[in-house]
Every structure is written in C-alpha cells, then in structure tokens.
Amino acid sequence: MKYEEIKTKIDYIVNNPIRRFKSEELKGIIERYHNNHPKSKEIFERMSRIIPGGVEHNLAFNHPFP
C-alpha cells in the first residue's frame, strides 16, 4: 500500500463516527471469535487463574480475550 492510500484510509477512519454494533450482531461476532480461536481462549482462561487479568502486558484490556 502506498503512503497516500494509507493516509486516505486513516483520514476516513478518524473523520467518521464510531459504528456501534447491535447487541445481537456483537454477540455473533464474539461467538465466531471464540470458535475461531479456541486455543487462545483456553490459554487466557488458564492464565487468568495464575496472572491477575490473565495477561501481563498492555493487551490485557482486549475483549473478549487477548
């Protein structure tokens, strides 16, 4: 991707309002994420019992799991 194309995309993102998902749509997205990343979910759940928040770096606040 060239600089101008990247800049155009960034400008579009920055200058448009945040799109909110409907609750049912978000539920489906999270369900697909869980189904597509079962190992990550398993590791996060295991680490949650050992490390507060399940992760020791700044990705701790990623939802549904880092």
C-alpha atoms as a PDB file:
ATOM      1  CA  MET A   1       0.000   0.000   0.000  1.00  0.00           C
ATOM      2  CA  LYS A   2       1.315   3.431  -0.861  1.00  0.00           C
ATOM      3  CA  TYR A   3       1.536   6.345   1.542  1.00  0.00           C
ATOM      4  CA  GLU A   4      -1.366   8.304   0.034  1.00  0.00           C
ATOM      5  CA  GLU A   5      -3.656   5.268   0.131  1.00  0.00           C
ATOM      6  CA  ILE A   6      -2.791   4.623   3.776  1.00  0.00           C
ATOM      7  CA  LYS A   7      -3.295   8.296   4.646  1.00  0.00           C
ATOM      8  CA  THR A   8      -6.678   8.341   2.880  1.00  0.00           C
ATOM      9  CA  LYS A   9      -7.839   5.281   4.838  1.00  0.00           C
ATOM     10  CA  ILE A  10      -6.637   6.728   8.144  1.00  0.00           C
ATOM     11  CA  ASP A  11      -8.359  10.044   7.416  1.00  0.00           C
ATOM     12  CA  TYR A  12     -11.596   8.182   6.677  1.00  0.00           C
ATOM     13  CA  ILE A  13     -11.414   6.271   9.972  1.00  0.00           C
ATOM     14  CA  VAL A  14     -10.521   9.332  12.035  1.00  0.00           C
ATOM     15  CA  ASN A  15     -13.135  11.604  10.475  1.00  0.00           C
ATOM     16  CA  ASN A  16     -16.135   9.277  10.712  1.00  0.00           C
ATOM     17  CA  PRO A  17     -18.184   8.440  13.787  1.00  0.00           C
ATOM     18  CA  ILE A  18     -17.670   5.164  15.600  1.00  0.00           C
ATOM     19  CA  ARG A  19     -20.034   2.492  14.316  1.00  0.00           C
ATOM     20  CA  ARG A  20     -21.820   0.709  17.136  1.00  0.00           C
ATOM     21  CA  PHE A  21     -22.809  -2.910  16.682  1.00  0.00           C
ATOM     22  CA  LYS A  22     -26.300  -4.067  17.558  1.00  0.00           C
ATOM     23  CA  SER A  23     -26.176  -6.400  20.568  1.00  0.00           C
ATOM     24  CA  GLU A  24     -27.165  -9.476  18.530  1.00  0.00           C
ATOM     25  CA  GLU A  25     -24.579  -8.630  15.877  1.00  0.00           C
ATOM     26  CA  LEU A  26     -21.873  -8.213  18.531  1.00  0.00           C
ATOM     27  CA  LYS A  27     -22.909 -11.478  20.163  1.00  0.00           C
ATOM     28  CA  GLY A  28     -22.408 -13.254  16.815  1.00  0.00           C
ATOM     29  CA  ILE A  29     -19.014 -11.621  16.274  1.00  0.00           C
ATOM     30  CA  ILE A  30     -17.807 -12.679  19.721  1.00  0.00           C
ATOM     31  CA  GLU A  31     -19.154 -16.207  19.231  1.00  0.00           C
ATOM     32  CA  ARG A  32     -17.288 -16.529  15.902  1.00  0.00           C
ATOM     33  CA  TYR A  33     -14.131 -15.182  17.555  1.00  0.00           C
ATOM     34  CA  HIS A  34     -14.389 -17.786  20.324  1.00  0.00           C
ATOM     35  CA  ASN A  35     -14.999 -20.550  17.755  1.00  0.00           C
ATOM     36  CA  ASN A  36     -12.111 -19.434  15.535  1.00  0.00           C
ATOM     37  CA  HIS A  37      -9.601 -19.032  18.383  1.00  0.00           C
ATOM     38  CA  PRO A  38     -10.290 -21.827  20.900  1.00  0.00           C
ATOM     39  CA  LYS A  39      -6.634 -22.290  21.862  1.00  0.00           C
ATOM     40  CA  SER A  40      -6.233 -18.593  22.667  1.00  0.00           C
ATOM     41  CA  LYS A  41      -9.364 -18.713  24.817  1.00  0.00           C
ATOM     42  CA  GLU A  42      -8.086 -21.830  26.604  1.00  0.00           C
ATOM     43  CA  ILE A  43      -4.693 -20.231  27.330  1.00  0.00           C
ATOM     44  CA  PHE A  44      -6.322 -16.991  28.501  1.00  0.00           C
ATOM     45  CA  GLU A  45      -8.632 -18.877  30.870  1.00  0.00           C
ATOM     46  CA  ARG A  46      -5.697 -20.893  32.243  1.00  0.00           C
ATOM     47  CA  MET A  47      -3.560 -17.765  32.699  1.00  0.00           C
ATOM     48  CA  SER A  48      -6.458 -15.972  34.417  1.00  0.00           C
ATOM     49  CA  ARG A  49      -6.019 -18.419  37.282  1.00  0.00           C
ATOM     50  CA  ILE A  50      -2.301 -17.591  37.546  1.00  0.00           C
ATOM     51  CA  ILE A  51      -1.830 -13.952  36.472  1.00  0.00           C
ATOM     52  CA  PRO A  52      -4.286 -11.208  37.504  1.00  0.00           C
ATOM     53  CA  GLY A  53      -6.323 -10.371  34.405  1.00  0.00           C
ATOM     54  CA  GLY A  54      -4.834 -13.344  32.555  1.00  0.00           C
ATOM     55  CA  VAL A  55      -2.102 -11.354  30.823  1.00  0.00           C
ATOM     56  CA  GLU A  56       0.920  -9.349  31.953  1.00  0.00           C
ATOM     57  CA  HIS A  57       1.131  -6.644  29.284  1.00  0.00           C
ATOM     58  CA  ASN A  58      -0.917  -3.807  27.821  1.00  0.00           C
ATOM     59  CA  LEU A  59      -3.163  -6.127  25.786  1.00  0.00           C
ATOM     60  CA  ALA A  60      -4.928  -7.127  28.996  1.00  0.00           C
ATOM     61  CA  PHE A  61      -7.949  -4.999  28.128  1.00  0.00           C
ATOM     62  CA  ASN A  62      -8.649  -6.560  24.727  1.00  0.00           C
ATOM     63  CA  HIS A  63     -12.108  -8.099  24.558  1.00  0.00           C
ATOM     64  CA  PRO A  64     -13.167 -10.889  24.618  1.00  0.00           C
ATOM     65  CA  PHE A  65      -9.638 -12.117  25.360  1.00  0.00           C
ATOM     66  CA  PRO A  66      -6.149 -11.133  24.203  1.00  0.00           C
END
